[in-house]
């Protein structure tokens, strides 16, 4: 699974820790300091931070419960794709 996290410095510490503990691959970009972060934020038509992408799902803002729900669903999709006969 790949997660993309776009954030600003003020919101980063708690969210980053939560996401980093769970995601196998994590790309993080500070939209205030990174040209890639600004580009992706603009391409995603961001209006607030963080923007978190898990699989094909997008999460605007952060709540631990919503993140856990999206993460769990993505793991189930990946498991089903890895073992289509079960």
PDB file of N, CA and C in Angstrom:
ATOM      1  N   UNK A   1       0.824  -1.172   0.000  1.00  0.00           N
ATOM      2  CA  UNK A   1       0.000   0.000   0.000  1.00  0.00           C
ATOM      3  C   UNK A   1       0.870   1.237   0.000  1.00  0.00           C
ATOM      4  N   UNK A   2       0.421   2.236  -0.711  1.00  0.00           N
ATOM      5  CA  UNK A   2       1.132   3.502  -0.739  1.00  0.00           C
ATOM      6  C   UNK A   2       0.222   4.573  -0.176  1.00  0.00           C
ATOM      7  N   UNK A   3       0.737   5.347   0.725  1.00  0.00           N
ATOM      8  CA  UNK A   3      -0.015   6.474   1.276  1.00  0.00           C
ATOM      9  C   UNK A   3       0.718   7.755   0.914  1.00  0.00           C
ATOM     10  N   UNK A   4      -0.037   8.757   0.542  1.00  0.00           N
ATOM     11  CA  UNK A   4       0.504  10.076   0.256  1.00  0.00           C
ATOM     12  C   UNK A   4      -0.065  11.018   1.292  1.00  0.00           C
ATOM     13  N   UNK A   5       0.788  11.752   1.939  1.00  0.00           N
ATOM     14  CA  UNK A   5       0.365  12.695   2.971  1.00  0.00           C
ATOM     15  C   UNK A   5       0.879  14.073   2.612  1.00  0.00           C
ATOM     16  N   UNK A   6      -0.044  14.997   2.409  1.00  0.00           N
ATOM     17  CA  UNK A   6       0.311  16.399   2.179  1.00  0.00           C
ATOM     18  C   UNK A   6      -0.099  17.167   3.423  1.00  0.00           C
ATOM     19  N   UNK A   7       0.813  17.938   3.976  1.00  0.00           N
ATOM     20  CA  UNK A   7       0.544  18.582   5.255  1.00  0.00           C
ATOM     21  C   UNK A   7       1.235  19.927   5.339  1.00  0.00           C
ATOM     22  N   UNK A   8       0.875  20.677   6.357  1.00  0.00           N
ATOM     23  CA  UNK A   8       1.626  21.876   6.711  1.00  0.00           C
ATOM     24  C   UNK A   8       2.304  21.578   8.047  1.00  0.00           C
ATOM     25  N   UNK A   9       3.302  22.312   8.387  1.00  0.00           N
ATOM     26  CA  UNK A   9       4.103  22.013   9.560  1.00  0.00           C
ATOM     27  C   UNK A   9       3.265  21.937  10.831  1.00  0.00           C
ATOM     28  N   UNK A  10       2.304  22.843  11.004  1.00  0.00           N
ATOM     29  CA  UNK A  10       1.539  22.903  12.241  1.00  0.00           C
ATOM     30  C   UNK A  10       0.790  21.602  12.520  1.00  0.00           C
ATOM     31  N   UNK A  11       0.325  20.938  11.492  1.00  0.00           N
ATOM     32  CA  UNK A  11      -0.506  19.745  11.682  1.00  0.00           C
ATOM     33  C   UNK A  11       0.290  18.450  11.602  1.00  0.00           C
ATOM     34  N   UNK A  12       1.571  18.537  11.402  1.00  0.00           N
ATOM     35  CA  UNK A  12       2.309  17.359  10.985  1.00  0.00           C
ATOM     36  C   UNK A  12       2.614  16.323  12.058  1.00  0.00           C
ATOM     37  N   UNK A  13       2.964  16.697  13.245  1.00  0.00           N
ATOM     38  CA  UNK A  13       3.558  15.737  14.181  1.00  0.00           C
ATOM     39  C   UNK A  13       2.620  14.597  14.566  1.00  0.00           C
ATOM     40  N   UNK A  14       1.414  14.889  15.033  1.00  0.00           N
ATOM     41  CA  UNK A  14       0.493  13.839  15.467  1.00  0.00           C
ATOM     42  C   UNK A  14       0.043  12.981  14.276  1.00  0.00           C
ATOM     43  N   UNK A  15      -0.300  13.622  13.189  1.00  0.00           N
ATOM     44  CA  UNK A  15      -0.791  12.907  12.010  1.00  0.00           C
ATOM     45  C   UNK A  15       0.311  12.039  11.418  1.00  0.00           C
ATOM     46  N   UNK A  16       1.497  12.608  11.258  1.00  0.00           N
ATOM     47  CA  UNK A  16       2.601  11.856  10.679  1.00  0.00           C
ATOM     48  C   UNK A  16       2.888  10.600  11.489  1.00  0.00           C
ATOM     49  N   UNK A  17       2.922  10.717  12.796  1.00  0.00           N
ATOM     50  CA  UNK A  17       3.192   9.566  13.661  1.00  0.00           C
ATOM     51  C   UNK A  17       2.132   8.484  13.458  1.00  0.00           C
ATOM     52  N   UNK A  18       0.867   8.871  13.431  1.00  0.00           N
ATOM     53  CA  UNK A  18      -0.238   7.922  13.278  1.00  0.00           C
ATOM     54  C   UNK A  18      -0.130   7.199  11.941  1.00  0.00           C
ATOM     55  N   UNK A  19       0.066   7.953  10.868  1.00  0.00           N
ATOM     56  CA  UNK A  19       0.119   7.369   9.526  1.00  0.00           C
ATOM     57  C   UNK A  19       1.378   6.537   9.346  1.00  0.00           C
ATOM     58  N   UNK A  20       2.508   7.051   9.795  1.00  0.00           N
ATOM     59  CA  UNK A  20       3.783   6.353   9.611  1.00  0.00           C
ATOM     60  C   UNK A  20       3.806   5.015  10.329  1.00  0.00           C
ATOM     61  N   UNK A  21       3.117   4.904  11.451  1.00  0.00           N
ATOM     62  CA  UNK A  21       3.067   3.646  12.187  1.00  0.00           C
ATOM     63  C   UNK A  21       2.342   2.557  11.420  1.00  0.00           C
ATOM     64  N   UNK A  22       1.495   2.936  10.451  1.00  0.00           N
ATOM     65  CA  UNK A  22       0.653   1.969   9.771  1.00  0.00           C
ATOM     66  C   UNK A  22       1.042   1.725   8.307  1.00  0.00           C
ATOM     67  N   UNK A  23       1.400   2.739   7.590  1.00  0.00           N
ATOM     68  CA  UNK A  23       1.634   2.612   6.149  1.00  0.00           C
ATOM     69  C   UNK A  23       2.987   1.953   5.866  1.00  0.00           C
ATOM     70  N   UNK A  24       3.003   1.011   4.897  1.00  0.00           N
ATOM     71  CA  UNK A  24       4.279   0.393   4.533  1.00  0.00           C
ATOM     72  C   UNK A  24       5.115   1.358   3.695  1.00  0.00           C
ATOM     73  N   UNK A  25       4.477   2.108   2.833  1.00  0.00           N
ATOM     74  CA  UNK A  25       5.175   3.080   2.009  1.00  0.00           C
ATOM     75  C   UNK A  25       4.493   4.419   2.215  1.00  0.00           C
ATOM     76  N   UNK A  26       5.253   5.404   2.602  1.00  0.00           N
ATOM     77  CA  UNK A  26       4.678   6.702   2.912  1.00  0.00           C
ATOM     78  C   UNK A  26       5.496   7.790   2.241  1.00  0.00           C
ATOM     79  N   UNK A  27       4.815   8.605   1.459  1.00  0.00           N
ATOM     80  CA  UNK A  27       5.429   9.775   0.860  1.00  0.00           C
ATOM     81  C   UNK A  27       4.822  10.990   1.530  1.00  0.00           C
ATOM     82  N   UNK A  28       5.641  11.839   2.103  1.00  0.00           N
ATOM     83  CA  UNK A  28       5.132  13.024   2.783  1.00  0.00           C
ATOM     84  C   UNK A  28       5.723  14.269   2.141  1.00  0.00           C
ATOM     85  N   UNK A  29       4.895  15.271   2.027  1.00  0.00           N
ATOM     86  CA  UNK A  29       5.339  16.536   1.448  1.00  0.00           C
ATOM     87  C   UNK A  29       4.727  17.684   2.229  1.00  0.00           C
ATOM     88  N   UNK A  30       5.549  18.610   2.627  1.00  0.00           N
ATOM     89  CA  UNK A  30       5.090  19.829   3.273  1.00  0.00           C
ATOM     90  C   UNK A  30       4.691  20.789   2.159  1.00  0.00           C
ATOM     91  N   UNK A  31       3.430  21.171   2.106  1.00  0.00           N
ATOM     92  CA  UNK A  31       2.945  22.022   1.022  1.00  0.00           C
ATOM     93  C   UNK A  31       3.505  23.437   1.110  1.00  0.00           C
ATOM     94  N   UNK A  32       4.049  23.797   2.253  1.00  0.00           N
ATOM     95  CA  UNK A  32       4.632  25.125   2.403  1.00  0.00           C
ATOM     96  C   UNK A  32       6.102  25.161   2.002  1.00  0.00           C
ATOM     97  N   UNK A  33       6.794  24.032   2.082  1.00  0.00           N
ATOM     98  CA  UNK A  33       8.239  24.029   1.855  1.00  0.00           C
ATOM     99  C   UNK A  33       8.687  23.219   0.646  1.00  0.00           C
ATOM    100  N   UNK A  34       7.839  22.348   0.129  1.00  0.00           N
ATOM    101  CA  UNK A  34       8.242  21.438  -0.932  1.00  0.00           C
ATOM    102  C   UNK A  34       7.552  21.801  -2.249  1.00  0.00           C
ATOM    103  N   UNK A  35       8.335  21.914  -3.314  1.00  0.00           N
ATOM    104  CA  UNK A  35       7.729  22.199  -4.623  1.00  0.00           C
ATOM    105  C   UNK A  35       6.865  21.029  -5.085  1.00  0.00           C
ATOM    106  N   UNK A  36       7.274  19.808  -4.765  1.00  0.00           N
ATOM    107  CA  UNK A  36       6.455  18.637  -5.100  1.00  0.00           C
ATOM    108  C   UNK A  36       5.149  18.680  -4.307  1.00  0.00           C
ATOM    109  N   UNK A  37       5.238  19.025  -3.030  1.00  0.00           N
ATOM    110  CA  UNK A  37       4.045  19.139  -2.199  1.00  0.00           C
ATOM    111  C   UNK A  37       3.077  20.183  -2.721  1.00  0.00           C
ATOM    112  N   UNK A  38       3.591  21.344  -3.106  1.00  0.00           N
ATOM    113  CA  UNK A  38       2.732  22.398  -3.659  1.00  0.00           C
ATOM    114  C   UNK A  38       2.097  21.950  -4.967  1.00  0.00           C
ATOM    115  N   UNK A  39       2.896  21.290  -5.822  1.00  0.00           N
ATOM    116  CA  UNK A  39       2.381  20.809  -7.105  1.00  0.00           C
ATOM    117  C   UNK A  39       1.262  19.786  -6.900  1.00  0.00           C
ATOM    118  N   UNK A  40       1.500  18.805  -6.030  1.00  0.00           N
ATOM    119  CA  UNK A  40       0.498  17.770  -5.789  1.00  0.00           C
ATOM    120  C   UNK A  40      -0.745  18.351  -5.121  1.00  0.00           C
ATOM    121  N   UNK A  41      -0.550  19.277  -4.198  1.00  0.00           N
ATOM    122  CA  UNK A  41      -1.672  19.931  -3.519  1.00  0.00           C
ATOM    123  C   UNK A  41      -2.551  20.643  -4.540  1.00  0.00           C
ATOM    124  N   UNK A  42      -1.917  21.332  -5.457  1.00  0.00           N
ATOM    125  CA  UNK A  42      -2.651  22.050  -6.505  1.00  0.00           C
ATOM    126  C   UNK A  42      -3.355  21.058  -7.436  1.00  0.00           C
ATOM    127  N   UNK A  43      -2.659  19.990  -7.822  1.00  0.00           N
ATOM    128  CA  UNK A  43      -3.237  18.984  -8.721  1.00  0.00           C
ATOM    129  C   UNK A  43      -4.437  18.288  -8.078  1.00  0.00           C
ATOM    130  N   UNK A  44      -4.392  18.118  -6.764  1.00  0.00           N
ATOM    131  CA  UNK A  44      -5.500  17.492  -6.043  1.00  0.00           C
ATOM    132  C   UNK A  44      -6.584  18.502  -5.663  1.00  0.00           C
ATOM    133  N   UNK A  45      -6.394  19.744  -6.085  1.00  0.00           N
ATOM    134  CA  UNK A  45      -7.331  20.826  -5.770  1.00  0.00           C
ATOM    135  C   UNK A  45      -7.554  20.949  -4.266  1.00  0.00           C
ATOM    136  N   UNK A  46      -6.444  20.923  -3.555  1.00  0.00           N
ATOM    137  CA  UNK A  46      -6.504  21.003  -2.099  1.00  0.00           C
ATOM    138  C   UNK A  46      -7.055  22.322  -1.613  1.00  0.00           C
ATOM    139  N   UNK A  47      -7.843  22.248  -0.560  1.00  0.00           N
ATOM    140  CA  UNK A  47      -8.365  23.448   0.092  1.00  0.00           C
ATOM    141  C   UNK A  47      -7.976  23.483   1.563  1.00  0.00           C
ATOM    142  N   UNK A  48      -7.499  22.361   2.076  1.00  0.00           N
ATOM    143  CA  UNK A  48      -7.035  22.289   3.459  1.00  0.00           C
ATOM    144  C   UNK A  48      -6.027  21.152   3.563  1.00  0.00           C
ATOM    145  N   UNK A  49      -5.339  21.090   4.678  1.00  0.00           N
ATOM    146  CA  UNK A  49      -4.391  20.017   4.921  1.00  0.00           C
ATOM    147  C   UNK A  49      -4.759  19.342   6.226  1.00  0.00           C
ATOM    148  N   UNK A  50      -4.425  18.105   6.396  1.00  0.00           N
ATOM    149  CA  UNK A  50      -3.707  17.265   5.456  1.00  0.00           C
ATOM    150  C   UNK A  50      -4.645  16.664   4.405  1.00  0.00           C
ATOM    151  N   UNK A  51      -4.039  16.243   3.305  1.00  0.00           N
ATOM    152  CA  UNK A  51      -4.697  15.390   2.321  1.00  0.00           C
ATOM    153  C   UNK A  51      -3.965  14.062   2.417  1.00  0.00           C
ATOM    154  N   UNK A  52      -4.709  13.005   2.643  1.00  0.00           N
ATOM    155  CA  UNK A  52      -4.110  11.679   2.778  1.00  0.00           C
ATOM    156  C   UNK A  52      -4.731  10.785   1.719  1.00  0.00           C
ATOM    157  N   UNK A  53      -3.902  10.136   0.921  1.00  0.00           N
ATOM    158  CA  UNK A  53      -4.367   9.208  -0.099  1.00  0.00           C
ATOM    159  C   UNK A  53      -3.984   7.803   0.351  1.00  0.00           C
ATOM    160  N   UNK A  54      -4.980   6.930   0.427  1.00  0.00           N
ATOM    161  CA  UNK A  54      -4.752   5.531   0.787  1.00  0.00           C
ATOM    162  C   UNK A  54      -5.360   4.698  -0.325  1.00  0.00           C
ATOM    163  N   UNK A  55      -4.502   4.020  -1.088  1.00  0.00           N
ATOM    164  CA  UNK A  55      -4.996   3.303  -2.258  1.00  0.00           C
ATOM    165  C   UNK A  55      -5.608   4.302  -3.214  1.00  0.00           C
ATOM    166  N   UNK A  56      -6.892   4.148  -3.524  1.00  0.00           N
ATOM    167  CA  UNK A  56      -7.588   5.080  -4.404  1.00  0.00           C
ATOM    168  C   UNK A  56      -8.507   6.024  -3.637  1.00  0.00           C
ATOM    169  N   UNK A  57      -8.453   5.964  -2.322  1.00  0.00           N
ATOM    170  CA  UNK A  57      -9.322   6.794  -1.487  1.00  0.00           C
ATOM    171  C   UNK A  57      -8.583   8.019  -0.980  1.00  0.00           C
ATOM    172  N   UNK A  58      -9.312   9.092  -0.870  1.00  0.00           N
ATOM    173  CA  UNK A  58      -8.751  10.368  -0.416  1.00  0.00           C
ATOM    174  C   UNK A  58      -9.421  10.778   0.888  1.00  0.00           C
ATOM    175  N   UNK A  59      -8.614  11.253   1.793  1.00  0.00           N
ATOM    176  CA  UNK A  59      -9.105  11.749   3.071  1.00  0.00           C
ATOM    177  C   UNK A  59      -8.659  13.197   3.223  1.00  0.00           C
ATOM    178  N   UNK A  60      -9.610  14.110   3.375  1.00  0.00           N
ATOM    179  CA  UNK A  60      -9.307  15.524   3.621  1.00  0.00           C
ATOM    180  C   UNK A  60      -9.449  15.774   5.113  1.00  0.00           C
ATOM    181  N   UNK A  61      -8.431  16.339   5.717  1.00  0.00           N
ATOM    182  CA  UNK A  61      -8.443  16.478   7.165  1.00  0.00           C
ATOM    183  C   UNK A  61      -8.026  15.156   7.788  1.00  0.00           C
ATOM    184  N   UNK A  62      -8.052  15.099   9.104  1.00  0.00           N
ATOM    185  CA  UNK A  62      -7.598  13.875   9.754  1.00  0.00           C
ATOM    186  C   UNK A  62      -8.434  13.568  10.973  1.00  0.00           C
ATOM    187  N   UNK A  63      -8.935  12.352  11.008  1.00  0.00           N
ATOM    188  CA  UNK A  63      -9.445  11.763  12.239  1.00  0.00           C
ATOM    189  C   UNK A  63      -8.886  10.344  12.276  1.00  0.00           C
ATOM    190  N   UNK A  64      -8.471   9.919  13.439  1.00  0.00           N
ATOM    191  CA  UNK A  64      -7.864   8.597  13.570  1.00  0.00           C
ATOM    192  C   UNK A  64      -8.839   7.500  13.154  1.00  0.00           C
ATOM    193  N   UNK A  65     -10.107   7.647  13.526  1.00  0.00           N
ATOM    194  CA  UNK A  65     -11.094   6.605  13.204  1.00  0.00           C
ATOM    195  C   UNK A  65     -11.288   6.473  11.694  1.00  0.00           C
ATOM    196  N   UNK A  66     -11.386   7.585  10.993  1.00  0.00           N
ATOM    197  CA  UNK A  66     -11.557   7.523   9.534  1.00  0.00           C
ATOM    198  C   UNK A  66     -10.310   6.954   8.870  1.00  0.00           C
ATOM    199  N   UNK A  67      -9.140   7.378   9.330  1.00  0.00           N
ATOM    200  CA  UNK A  67      -7.906   6.837   8.768  1.00  0.00           C
ATOM    201  C   UNK A  67      -7.864   5.322   8.956  1.00  0.00           C
ATOM    202  N   UNK A  68      -8.146   4.855  10.170  1.00  0.00           N
ATOM    203  CA  UNK A  68      -8.106   3.417  10.444  1.00  0.00           C
ATOM    204  C   UNK A  68      -9.094   2.658   9.567  1.00  0.00           C
ATOM    205  N   UNK A  69     -10.278   3.233   9.346  1.00  0.00           N
ATOM    206  CA  UNK A  69     -11.282   2.599   8.506  1.00  0.00           C
ATOM    207  C   UNK A  69     -10.795   2.484   7.055  1.00  0.00           C
ATOM    208  N   UNK A  70     -10.265   3.561   6.496  1.00  0.00           N
ATOM    209  CA  UNK A  70      -9.751   3.519   5.125  1.00  0.00           C
ATOM    210  C   UNK A  70      -8.571   2.553   5.007  1.00  0.00           C
ATOM    211  N   UNK A  71      -7.703   2.583   6.003  1.00  0.00           N
ATOM    212  CA  UNK A  71      -6.528   1.712   5.997  1.00  0.00           C
ATOM    213  C   UNK A  71      -6.951   0.240   6.036  1.00  0.00           C
ATOM    214  N   UNK A  72      -7.895  -0.094   6.890  1.00  0.00           N
ATOM    215  CA  UNK A  72      -8.379  -1.471   7.011  1.00  0.00           C
ATOM    216  C   UNK A  72      -9.010  -1.945   5.697  1.00  0.00           C
ATOM    217  N   UNK A  73      -9.819  -1.091   5.091  1.00  0.00           N
ATOM    218  CA  UNK A  73     -10.442  -1.447   3.804  1.00  0.00           C
ATOM    219  C   UNK A  73      -9.394  -1.667   2.727  1.00  0.00           C
ATOM    220  N   UNK A  74      -8.350  -0.846   2.710  1.00  0.00           N
ATOM    221  CA  UNK A  74      -7.290  -1.003   1.715  1.00  0.00           C
ATOM    222  C   UNK A  74      -6.539  -2.318   1.922  1.00  0.00           C
ATOM    223  N   UNK A  75      -6.268  -2.670   3.166  1.00  0.00           N
ATOM    224  CA  UNK A  75      -5.602  -3.946   3.442  1.00  0.00           C
ATOM    225  C   UNK A  75      -6.455  -5.119   2.970  1.00  0.00           C
ATOM    226  N   UNK A  76      -7.763  -5.028   3.172  1.00  0.00           N
ATOM    227  CA  UNK A  76      -8.669  -6.088   2.713  1.00  0.00           C
ATOM    228  C   UNK A  76      -8.662  -6.196   1.193  1.00  0.00           C
ATOM    229  N   UNK A  77      -8.666  -5.064   0.496  1.00  0.00           N
ATOM    230  CA  UNK A  77      -8.604  -5.066  -0.969  1.00  0.00           C
ATOM    231  C   UNK A  77      -7.303  -5.701  -1.461  1.00  0.00           C
ATOM    232  N   UNK A  78      -6.204  -5.348  -0.823  1.00  0.00           N
ATOM    233  CA  UNK A  78      -4.913  -5.896  -1.222  1.00  0.00           C
ATOM    234  C   UNK A  78      -4.834  -7.392  -0.952  1.00  0.00           C
ATOM    235  N   UNK A  79      -5.387  -7.837   0.165  1.00  0.00           N
ATOM    236  CA  UNK A  79      -5.390  -9.272   0.478  1.00  0.00           C
ATOM    237  C   UNK A  79      -6.238 -10.035  -0.532  1.00  0.00           C
ATOM    238  N   UNK A  80      -7.393  -9.480  -0.894  1.00  0.00           N
ATOM    239  CA  UNK A  80      -8.263 -10.126  -1.879  1.00  0.00           C
ATOM    240  C   UNK A  80      -7.594 -10.188  -3.250  1.00  0.00           C
ATOM    241  N   UNK A  81      -6.881  -9.140  -3.622  1.00  0.00           N
ATOM    242  CA  UNK A  81      -6.184  -9.123  -4.904  1.00  0.00           C
ATOM    243  C   UNK A  81      -5.024 -10.119  -4.932  1.00  0.00           C
ATOM    244  N   UNK A  82      -4.377 -10.319  -3.793  1.00  0.00           N
ATOM    245  CA  UNK A  82      -3.250 -11.251  -3.710  1.00  0.00           C
ATOM    246  C   UNK A  82      -3.694 -12.705  -3.738  1.00  0.00           C
ATOM    247  N   UNK A  83      -4.921 -12.951  -3.303  1.00  0.00           N
ATOM    248  CA  UNK A  83      -5.468 -14.324  -3.236  1.00  0.00           C
ATOM    249  C   UNK A  83      -6.862 -14.352  -3.839  1.00  0.00           C
ATOM    250  N   UNK A  84      -6.981 -14.199  -5.168  1.00  0.00           N
ATOM    251  CA  UNK A  84      -8.300 -14.082  -5.794  1.00  0.00           C
ATOM    252  C   UNK A  84      -9.155 -15.348  -5.714  1.00  0.00           C
ATOM    253  N   UNK A  85      -8.579 -16.500  -5.442  1.00  0.00           N
ATOM    254  CA  UNK A  85      -9.342 -17.742  -5.418  1.00  0.00           C
ATOM    255  C   UNK A  85      -9.990 -18.029  -4.067  1.00  0.00           C
ATOM    256  N   UNK A  86      -9.706 -17.207  -3.065  1.00  0.00           N
ATOM    257  CA  UNK A  86     -10.266 -17.483  -1.737  1.00  0.00           C
ATOM    258  C   UNK A  86     -11.488 -16.651  -1.459  1.00  0.00           C
TER     259      UNK A  86
END
